[in-house]
Amino acid sequence: MQKNKQKELTFTLFKHDIEIGAFYNLLYQANDVILALFFIVGSFLFFKESTTFYGTILFVIGSFQLLIRPLIMISKEIHIYRIKNN
């Protein structure tokens, strides 16, 4: 019974079976790493007045990535719901 349930929660991507939870967790973590890098680099750009504009751009991009975090989890839940209800 457990194998069938686990098989239900997979999808095929480039001829590989991918577990849904692991895939979305990877997306979430990758987004967090990129988000942190934007904020770190943006912070350093604020040290010089000539690069403040670029720092601000990175902060805005990072802020949009904060929006992406819950969207990844919502997508995961929708994906699982659709598989379970088909």
PDB file of N, CA and C in Angstrom:
ATOM      1  N   MET A   1       0.826  -1.199   0.000  1.00  0.00           N
ATOM      2  CA  MET A   1       0.000   0.000   0.000  1.00  0.00           C
ATOM      3  C   MET A   1       0.868   1.259   0.000  1.00  0.00           C
ATOM      4  N   GLN A   2       1.925   1.284   0.782  1.00  0.00           N
ATOM      5  CA  GLN A   2       2.800   2.450   0.871  1.00  0.00           C
ATOM      6  C   GLN A   2       3.473   2.740  -0.464  1.00  0.00           C
ATOM      7  N   LYS A   3       3.897   1.704  -1.208  1.00  0.00           N
ATOM      8  CA  LYS A   3       4.547   1.903  -2.503  1.00  0.00           C
ATOM      9  C   LYS A   3       3.596   2.559  -3.490  1.00  0.00           C
ATOM     10  N   ASN A   4       2.328   2.123  -3.513  1.00  0.00           N
ATOM     11  CA  ASN A   4       1.352   2.722  -4.415  1.00  0.00           C
ATOM     12  C   ASN A   4       1.120   4.182  -4.078  1.00  0.00           C
ATOM     13  N   LYS A   5       1.041   4.499  -2.803  1.00  0.00           N
ATOM     14  CA  LYS A   5       0.822   5.882  -2.389  1.00  0.00           C
ATOM     15  C   LYS A   5       2.013   6.748  -2.784  1.00  0.00           C
ATOM     16  N   GLN A   6       3.217   6.236  -2.590  1.00  0.00           N
ATOM     17  CA  GLN A   6       4.405   6.994  -2.959  1.00  0.00           C
ATOM     18  C   GLN A   6       4.490   7.150  -4.470  1.00  0.00           C
ATOM     19  N   LYS A   7       4.134   6.121  -5.236  1.00  0.00           N
ATOM     20  CA  LYS A   7       4.156   6.186  -6.690  1.00  0.00           C
ATOM     21  C   LYS A   7       3.178   7.237  -7.188  1.00  0.00           C
ATOM     22  N   GLU A   8       2.052   7.383  -6.492  1.00  0.00           N
ATOM     23  CA  GLU A   8       1.066   8.396  -6.854  1.00  0.00           C
ATOM     24  C   GLU A   8       1.652   9.799  -6.771  1.00  0.00           C
ATOM     25  N   LEU A   9       2.548  10.032  -5.838  1.00  0.00           N
ATOM     26  CA  LEU A   9       3.073  11.366  -5.604  1.00  0.00           C
ATOM     27  C   LEU A   9       4.389  11.603  -6.338  1.00  0.00           C
ATOM     28  N   THR A  10       4.495  11.050  -7.529  1.00  0.00           N
ATOM     29  CA  THR A  10       5.659  11.280  -8.373  1.00  0.00           C
ATOM     30  C   THR A  10       5.184  11.749  -9.744  1.00  0.00           C
ATOM     31  N   PHE A  11       6.086  12.372 -10.467  1.00  0.00           N
ATOM     32  CA  PHE A  11       5.816  12.728 -11.857  1.00  0.00           C
ATOM     33  C   PHE A  11       7.100  12.514 -12.642  1.00  0.00           C
ATOM     34  N   THR A  12       6.984  12.447 -13.938  1.00  0.00           N
ATOM     35  CA  THR A  12       8.137  12.160 -14.787  1.00  0.00           C
ATOM     36  C   THR A  12       8.630  13.460 -15.408  1.00  0.00           C
ATOM     37  N   LEU A  13       9.929  13.687 -15.282  1.00  0.00           N
ATOM     38  CA  LEU A  13      10.574  14.862 -15.855  1.00  0.00           C
ATOM     39  C   LEU A  13      11.856  14.409 -16.512  1.00  0.00           C
ATOM     40  N   PHE A  14      11.958  14.598 -17.809  1.00  0.00           N
ATOM     41  CA  PHE A  14      13.130  14.148 -18.572  1.00  0.00           C
ATOM     42  C   PHE A  14      13.432  12.672 -18.328  1.00  0.00           C
ATOM     43  N   LYS A  15      12.400  11.840 -18.399  1.00  0.00           N
ATOM     44  CA  LYS A  15      12.485  10.389 -18.253  1.00  0.00           C
ATOM     45  C   LYS A  15      12.913   9.932 -16.853  1.00  0.00           C
ATOM     46  N   HIS A  16      12.753  10.793 -15.848  1.00  0.00           N
ATOM     47  CA  HIS A  16      13.078  10.434 -14.461  1.00  0.00           C
ATOM     48  C   HIS A  16      11.834  10.627 -13.605  1.00  0.00           C
ATOM     49  N   ASP A  17      11.576   9.664 -12.725  1.00  0.00           N
ATOM     50  CA  ASP A  17      10.483   9.815 -11.773  1.00  0.00           C
ATOM     51  C   ASP A  17      10.944  10.728 -10.643  1.00  0.00           C
ATOM     52  N   ILE A  18      10.178  11.779 -10.433  1.00  0.00           N
ATOM     53  CA  ILE A  18      10.519  12.785  -9.428  1.00  0.00           C
ATOM     54  C   ILE A  18       9.433  12.784  -8.356  1.00  0.00           C
ATOM     55  N   GLU A  19       9.842  12.724  -7.099  1.00  0.00           N
ATOM     56  CA  GLU A  19       8.893  12.801  -5.987  1.00  0.00           C
ATOM     57  C   GLU A  19       8.489  14.260  -5.825  1.00  0.00           C
ATOM     58  N   ILE A  20       7.194  14.510  -5.789  1.00  0.00           N
ATOM     59  CA  ILE A  20       6.667  15.873  -5.783  1.00  0.00           C
ATOM     60  C   ILE A  20       7.202  16.684  -4.614  1.00  0.00           C
ATOM     61  N   GLY A  21       7.151  16.139  -3.423  1.00  0.00           N
ATOM     62  CA  GLY A  21       7.611  16.874  -2.250  1.00  0.00           C
ATOM     63  C   GLY A  21       9.075  17.265  -2.354  1.00  0.00           C
ATOM     64  N   ALA A  22       9.910  16.357  -2.803  1.00  0.00           N
ATOM     65  CA  ALA A  22      11.342  16.640  -2.938  1.00  0.00           C
ATOM     66  C   ALA A  22      11.591  17.713  -4.000  1.00  0.00           C
ATOM     67  N   PHE A  23      10.857  17.655  -5.100  1.00  0.00           N
ATOM     68  CA  PHE A  23      11.011  18.631  -6.172  1.00  0.00           C
ATOM     69  C   PHE A  23      10.686  20.037  -5.686  1.00  0.00           C
ATOM     70  N   TYR A  24       9.538  20.190  -5.031  1.00  0.00           N
ATOM     71  CA  TYR A  24       9.141  21.516  -4.566  1.00  0.00           C
ATOM     72  C   TYR A  24      10.021  22.000  -3.414  1.00  0.00           C
ATOM     73  N   ASN A  25      10.493  21.088  -2.575  1.00  0.00           N
ATOM     74  CA  ASN A  25      11.431  21.487  -1.528  1.00  0.00           C
ATOM     75  C   ASN A  25      12.737  21.994  -2.128  1.00  0.00           C
ATOM     76  N   LEU A  26      13.198  21.345  -3.200  1.00  0.00           N
ATOM     77  CA  LEU A  26      14.403  21.808  -3.886  1.00  0.00           C
ATOM     78  C   LEU A  26      14.181  23.199  -4.484  1.00  0.00           C
ATOM     79  N   LEU A  27      13.042  23.416  -5.131  1.00  0.00           N
ATOM     80  CA  LEU A  27      12.733  24.747  -5.669  1.00  0.00           C
ATOM     81  C   LEU A  27      12.731  25.797  -4.572  1.00  0.00           C
ATOM     82  N   TYR A  28      12.110  25.466  -3.450  1.00  0.00           N
ATOM     83  CA  TYR A  28      12.005  26.385  -2.317  1.00  0.00           C
ATOM     84  C   TYR A  28      13.391  26.741  -1.789  1.00  0.00           C
ATOM     85  N   GLN A  29      14.235  25.732  -1.597  1.00  0.00           N
ATOM     86  CA  GLN A  29      15.577  25.976  -1.057  1.00  0.00           C
ATOM     87  C   GLN A  29      16.444  26.742  -2.055  1.00  0.00           C
ATOM     88  N   ALA A  30      16.354  26.404  -3.336  1.00  0.00           N
ATOM     89  CA  ALA A  30      17.130  27.125  -4.348  1.00  0.00           C
ATOM     90  C   ALA A  30      16.707  28.590  -4.391  1.00  0.00           C
ATOM     91  N   ASN A  31      15.408  28.838  -4.313  1.00  0.00           N
ATOM     92  CA  ASN A  31      14.909  30.210  -4.274  1.00  0.00           C
ATOM     93  C   ASN A  31      15.467  30.947  -3.062  1.00  0.00           C
ATOM     94  N   ASP A  32      15.506  30.291  -1.907  1.00  0.00           N
ATOM     95  CA  ASP A  32      16.032  30.932  -0.695  1.00  0.00           C
ATOM     96  C   ASP A  32      17.513  31.281  -0.821  1.00  0.00           C
ATOM     97  N   VAL A  33      18.297  30.406  -1.445  1.00  0.00           N
ATOM     98  CA  VAL A  33      19.731  30.689  -1.633  1.00  0.00           C
ATOM     99  C   VAL A  33      19.904  31.896  -2.552  1.00  0.00           C
ATOM    100  N   ILE A  34      19.179  31.921  -3.658  1.00  0.00           N
ATOM    101  CA  ILE A  34      19.272  33.042  -4.592  1.00  0.00           C
ATOM    102  C   ILE A  34      18.796  34.329  -3.931  1.00  0.00           C
ATOM    103  N   LEU A  35      17.710  34.234  -3.182  1.00  0.00           N
ATOM    104  CA  LEU A  35      17.179  35.376  -2.441  1.00  0.00           C
ATOM    105  C   LEU A  35      18.231  35.947  -1.495  1.00  0.00           C
ATOM    106  N   ALA A  36      18.883  35.091  -0.743  1.00  0.00           N
ATOM    107  CA  ALA A  36      19.922  35.542   0.195  1.00  0.00           C
ATOM    108  C   ALA A  36      21.074  36.209  -0.550  1.00  0.00           C
ATOM    109  N   LEU A  37      21.473  35.647  -1.675  1.00  0.00           N
ATOM    110  CA  LEU A  37      22.566  36.242  -2.454  1.00  0.00           C
ATOM    111  C   LEU A  37      22.197  37.634  -2.954  1.00  0.00           C
ATOM    112  N   PHE A  38      20.962  37.811  -3.429  1.00  0.00           N
ATOM    113  CA  PHE A  38      20.532  39.144  -3.872  1.00  0.00           C
ATOM    114  C   PHE A  38      20.598  40.144  -2.728  1.00  0.00           C
ATOM    115  N   PHE A  39      20.134  39.765  -1.555  1.00  0.00           N
ATOM    116  CA  PHE A  39      20.152  40.689  -0.427  1.00  0.00           C
ATOM    117  C   PHE A  39      21.571  40.954   0.070  1.00  0.00           C
ATOM    118  N   ILE A  40      22.429  39.960   0.071  1.00  0.00           N
ATOM    119  CA  ILE A  40      23.819  40.163   0.502  1.00  0.00           C
ATOM    120  C   ILE A  40      24.547  41.098  -0.456  1.00  0.00           C
ATOM    121  N   VAL A  41      24.471  40.793  -1.757  1.00  0.00           N
ATOM    122  CA  VAL A  41      25.141  41.640  -2.748  1.00  0.00           C
ATOM    123  C   VAL A  41      24.535  43.045  -2.729  1.00  0.00           C
ATOM    124  N   GLY A  42      23.213  43.119  -2.647  1.00  0.00           N
ATOM    125  CA  GLY A  42      22.551  44.418  -2.574  1.00  0.00           C
ATOM    126  C   GLY A  42      23.012  45.229  -1.379  1.00  0.00           C
ATOM    127  N   SER A  43      23.209  44.571  -0.249  1.00  0.00           N
ATOM    128  CA  SER A  43      23.690  45.265   0.947  1.00  0.00           C
ATOM    129  C   SER A  43      25.076  45.843   0.738  1.00  0.00           C
ATOM    130  N   PHE A  44      25.962  45.073   0.115  1.00  0.00           N
ATOM    131  CA  PHE A  44      27.309  45.577  -0.156  1.00  0.00           C
ATOM    132  C   PHE A  44      27.284  46.757  -1.134  1.00  0.00           C
ATOM    133  N   LEU A  45      26.351  46.727  -2.069  1.00  0.00           N
ATOM    134  CA  LEU A  45      26.259  47.824  -3.033  1.00  0.00           C
ATOM    135  C   LEU A  45      25.817  49.135  -2.382  1.00  0.00           C
ATOM    136  N   PHE A  46      25.224  49.066  -1.208  1.00  0.00           N
ATOM    137  CA  PHE A  46      24.820  50.274  -0.497  1.00  0.00           C
ATOM    138  C   PHE A  46      25.991  50.986   0.181  1.00  0.00           C
ATOM    139  N   PHE A  47      27.153  50.366   0.235  1.00  0.00           N
ATOM    140  CA  PHE A  47      28.307  50.998   0.866  1.00  0.00           C
ATOM    141  C   PHE A  47      28.841  52.173   0.046  1.00  0.00           C
ATOM    142  N   LYS A  48      28.660  52.138  -1.266  1.00  0.00           N
ATOM    143  CA  LYS A  48      29.118  53.237  -2.113  1.00  0.00           C
ATOM    144  C   LYS A  48      27.903  53.921  -2.719  1.00  0.00           C
ATOM    145  N   GLU A  49      27.903  55.215  -2.696  1.00  0.00           N
ATOM    146  CA  GLU A  49      26.772  55.971  -3.237  1.00  0.00           C
ATOM    147  C   GLU A  49      26.579  55.707  -4.731  1.00  0.00           C
ATOM    148  N   SER A  50      27.661  55.442  -5.451  1.00  0.00           N
ATOM    149  CA  SER A  50      27.566  55.231  -6.895  1.00  0.00           C
ATOM    150  C   SER A  50      26.902  53.897  -7.261  1.00  0.00           C
ATOM    151  N   THR A  51      26.816  52.965  -6.322  1.00  0.00           N
ATOM    152  CA  THR A  51      26.198  51.663  -6.625  1.00  0.00           C
ATOM    153  C   THR A  51      24.878  51.442  -5.876  1.00  0.00           C
ATOM    154  N   THR A  52      24.407  52.482  -5.201  1.00  0.00           N
ATOM    155  CA  THR A  52      23.157  52.366  -4.430  1.00  0.00           C
ATOM    156  C   THR A  52      21.975  51.991  -5.310  1.00  0.00           C
ATOM    157  N   PHE A  53      21.917  52.546  -6.517  1.00  0.00           N
ATOM    158  CA  PHE A  53      20.820  52.228  -7.435  1.00  0.00           C
ATOM    159  C   PHE A  53      20.760  50.728  -7.714  1.00  0.00           C
ATOM    160  N   TYR A  54      21.919  50.110  -7.979  1.00  0.00           N
ATOM    161  CA  TYR A  54      21.965  48.671  -8.273  1.00  0.00           C
ATOM    162  C   TYR A  54      21.623  47.844  -7.037  1.00  0.00           C
ATOM    163  N   GLY A  55      22.017  48.324  -5.873  1.00  0.00           N
ATOM    164  CA  GLY A  55      21.637  47.658  -4.636  1.00  0.00           C
ATOM    165  C   GLY A  55      20.127  47.661  -4.459  1.00  0.00           C
ATOM    166  N   THR A  56      19.512  48.792  -4.794  1.00  0.00           N
ATOM    167  CA  THR A  56      18.054  48.907  -4.693  1.00  0.00           C
ATOM    168  C   THR A  56      17.372  47.934  -5.647  1.00  0.00           C
ATOM    169  N   ILE A  57      17.901  47.809  -6.849  1.00  0.00           N
ATOM    170  CA  ILE A  57      17.329  46.859  -7.819  1.00  0.00           C
ATOM    171  C   ILE A  57      17.397  45.437  -7.270  1.00  0.00           C
ATOM    172  N   LEU A  58      18.538  45.066  -6.683  1.00  0.00           N
ATOM    173  CA  LEU A  58      18.653  43.714  -6.125  1.00  0.00           C
ATOM    174  C   LEU A  58      17.692  43.515  -4.957  1.00  0.00           C
ATOM    175  N   PHE A  59      17.461  44.558  -4.158  1.00  0.00           N
ATOM    176  CA  PHE A  59      16.503  44.438  -3.062  1.00  0.00           C
ATOM    177  C   PHE A  59      15.084  44.249  -3.588  1.00  0.00           C
ATOM    178  N   VAL A  60      14.744  44.938  -4.676  1.00  0.00           N
ATOM    179  CA  VAL A  60      13.411  44.779  -5.273  1.00  0.00           C
ATOM    180  C   VAL A  60      13.251  43.361  -5.832  1.00  0.00           C
ATOM    181  N   ILE A  61      14.284  42.859  -6.517  1.00  0.00           N
ATOM    182  CA  ILE A  61      14.243  41.487  -7.040  1.00  0.00           C
ATOM    183  C   ILE A  61      14.097  40.500  -5.881  1.00  0.00           C
ATOM    184  N   GLY A  62      14.869  40.707  -4.811  1.00  0.00           N
ATOM    185  CA  GLY A  62      14.781  39.843  -3.637  1.00  0.00           C
ATOM    186  C   GLY A  62      13.391  39.873  -3.019  1.00  0.00           C
ATOM    187  N   SER A  63      12.770  41.044  -3.033  1.00  0.00           N
ATOM    188  CA  SER A  63      11.414  41.157  -2.485  1.00  0.00           C
ATOM    189  C   SER A  63      10.419  40.360  -3.313  1.00  0.00           C
ATOM    190  N   PHE A  64      10.578  40.361  -4.629  1.00  0.00           N
ATOM    191  CA  PHE A  64       9.716  39.528  -5.471  1.00  0.00           C
ATOM    192  C   PHE A  64       9.957  38.049  -5.187  1.00  0.00           C
ATOM    193  N   GLN A  65      11.192  37.700  -4.893  1.00  0.00           N
ATOM    194  CA  GLN A  65      11.473  36.301  -4.562  1.00  0.00           C
ATOM    195  C   GLN A  65      10.817  35.900  -3.248  1.00  0.00           C
ATOM    196  N   LEU A  66      10.633  36.846  -2.344  1.00  0.00           N
ATOM    197  CA  LEU A  66       9.877  36.541  -1.123  1.00  0.00           C
ATOM    198  C   LEU A  66       8.437  36.176  -1.474  1.00  0.00           C
ATOM    199  N   LEU A  67       7.914  36.775  -2.525  1.00  0.00           N
ATOM    200  CA  LEU A  67       6.574  36.429  -2.997  1.00  0.00           C
ATOM    201  C   LEU A  67       6.552  35.033  -3.611  1.00  0.00           C
ATOM    202  N   ILE A  68       7.636  34.648  -4.252  1.00  0.00           N
ATOM    203  CA  ILE A  68       7.715  33.343  -4.910  1.00  0.00           C
ATOM    204  C   ILE A  68       7.663  32.199  -3.895  1.00  0.00           C
ATOM    205  N   ARG A  69       8.210  32.411  -2.692  1.00  0.00           N
ATOM    206  CA  ARG A  69       8.252  31.343  -1.676  1.00  0.00           C
ATOM    207  C   ARG A  69       6.876  30.725  -1.416  1.00  0.00           C
ATOM    208  N   PRO A  70       5.868  31.523  -1.043  1.00  0.00           N
ATOM    209  CA  PRO A  70       4.560  30.888  -0.810  1.00  0.00           C
ATOM    210  C   PRO A  70       3.931  30.346  -2.086  1.00  0.00           C
ATOM    211  N   LEU A  71       4.239  30.957  -3.225  1.00  0.00           N
ATOM    212  CA  LEU A  71       3.690  30.447  -4.487  1.00  0.00           C
ATOM    213  C   LEU A  71       4.224  29.056  -4.806  1.00  0.00           C
ATOM    214  N   ILE A  72       5.466  28.779  -4.434  1.00  0.00           N
ATOM    215  CA  ILE A  72       6.022  27.438  -4.625  1.00  0.00           C
ATOM    216  C   ILE A  72       5.240  26.430  -3.783  1.00  0.00           C
ATOM    217  N   MET A  73       4.976  26.772  -2.536  1.00  0.00           N
ATOM    218  CA  MET A  73       4.231  25.849  -1.668  1.00  0.00           C
ATOM    219  C   MET A  73       2.780  25.686  -2.127  1.00  0.00           C
ATOM    220  N   ILE A  74       2.162  26.758  -2.590  1.00  0.00           N
ATOM    221  CA  ILE A  74       0.794  26.656  -3.108  1.00  0.00           C
ATOM    222  C   ILE A  74       0.777  25.757  -4.345  1.00  0.00           C
ATOM    223  N   SER A  75       1.758  25.917  -5.220  1.00  0.00           N
ATOM    224  CA  SER A  75       1.854  25.072  -6.412  1.00  0.00           C
ATOM    225  C   SER A  75       2.008  23.604  -6.035  1.00  0.00           C
ATOM    226  N   LYS A  76       2.810  23.350  -5.016  1.00  0.00           N
ATOM    227  CA  LYS A  76       3.004  21.970  -4.539  1.00  0.00           C
ATOM    228  C   LYS A  76       1.670  21.378  -4.088  1.00  0.00           C
ATOM    229  N   GLU A  77       0.933  22.118  -3.278  1.00  0.00           N
ATOM    230  CA  GLU A  77      -0.351  21.619  -2.769  1.00  0.00           C
ATOM    231  C   GLU A  77      -1.346  21.388  -3.894  1.00  0.00           C
ATOM    232  N   ILE A  78      -1.385  22.287  -4.877  1.00  0.00           N
ATOM    233  CA  ILE A  78      -2.284  22.110  -6.031  1.00  0.00           C
ATOM    234  C   ILE A  78      -1.873  20.876  -6.832  1.00  0.00           C
ATOM    235  N   HIS A  79      -0.579  20.703  -7.040  1.00  0.00           N
ATOM    236  CA  HIS A  79      -0.067  19.548  -7.789  1.00  0.00           C
ATOM    237  C   HIS A  79      -0.467  18.241  -7.098  1.00  0.00           C
ATOM    238  N   ILE A  80      -0.260  18.169  -5.783  1.00  0.00           N
ATOM    239  CA  ILE A  80      -0.624  16.966  -5.029  1.00  0.00           C
ATOM    240  C   ILE A  80      -2.140  16.747  -5.065  1.00  0.00           C
ATOM    241  N   TYR A  81      -2.908  17.802  -4.899  1.00  0.00           N
ATOM    242  CA  TYR A  81      -4.368  17.700  -4.927  1.00  0.00           C
ATOM    243  C   TYR A  81      -4.848  17.134  -6.260  1.00  0.00           C
ATOM    244  N   ARG A  82      -4.288  17.653  -7.356  1.00  0.00           N
ATOM    245  CA  ARG A  82      -4.711  17.180  -8.688  1.00  0.00           C
ATOM    246  C   ARG A  82      -4.365  15.716  -8.902  1.00  0.00           C
ATOM    247  N   ILE A  83      -3.212  15.293  -8.444  1.00  0.00           N
ATOM    248  CA  ILE A  83      -2.839  13.893  -8.603  1.00  0.00           C
ATOM    249  C   ILE A  83      -3.749  12.987  -7.777  1.00  0.00           C
ATOM    250  N   LYS A  84      -4.027  13.376  -6.553  1.00  0.00           N
ATOM    251  CA  LYS A  84      -4.849  12.542  -5.671  1.00  0.00           C
ATOM    252  C   LYS A  84      -6.311  12.477  -6.133  1.00  0.00           C
ATOM    253  N   ASN A  85      -6.764  13.494  -6.832  1.00  0.00           N
ATOM    254  CA  ASN A  85      -8.173  13.535  -7.228  1.00  0.00           C
ATOM    255  C   ASN A  85      -8.406  13.162  -8.685  1.00  0.00           C
ATOM    256  N   ASN A  86      -7.444  12.556  -9.303  1.00  0.00           N
ATOM    257  CA  ASN A  86      -7.627  12.067 -10.692  1.00  0.00           C
ATOM    258  C   ASN A  86      -7.813  10.580 -10.720  1.00  0.00           C
TER     259      ASN A  86
END
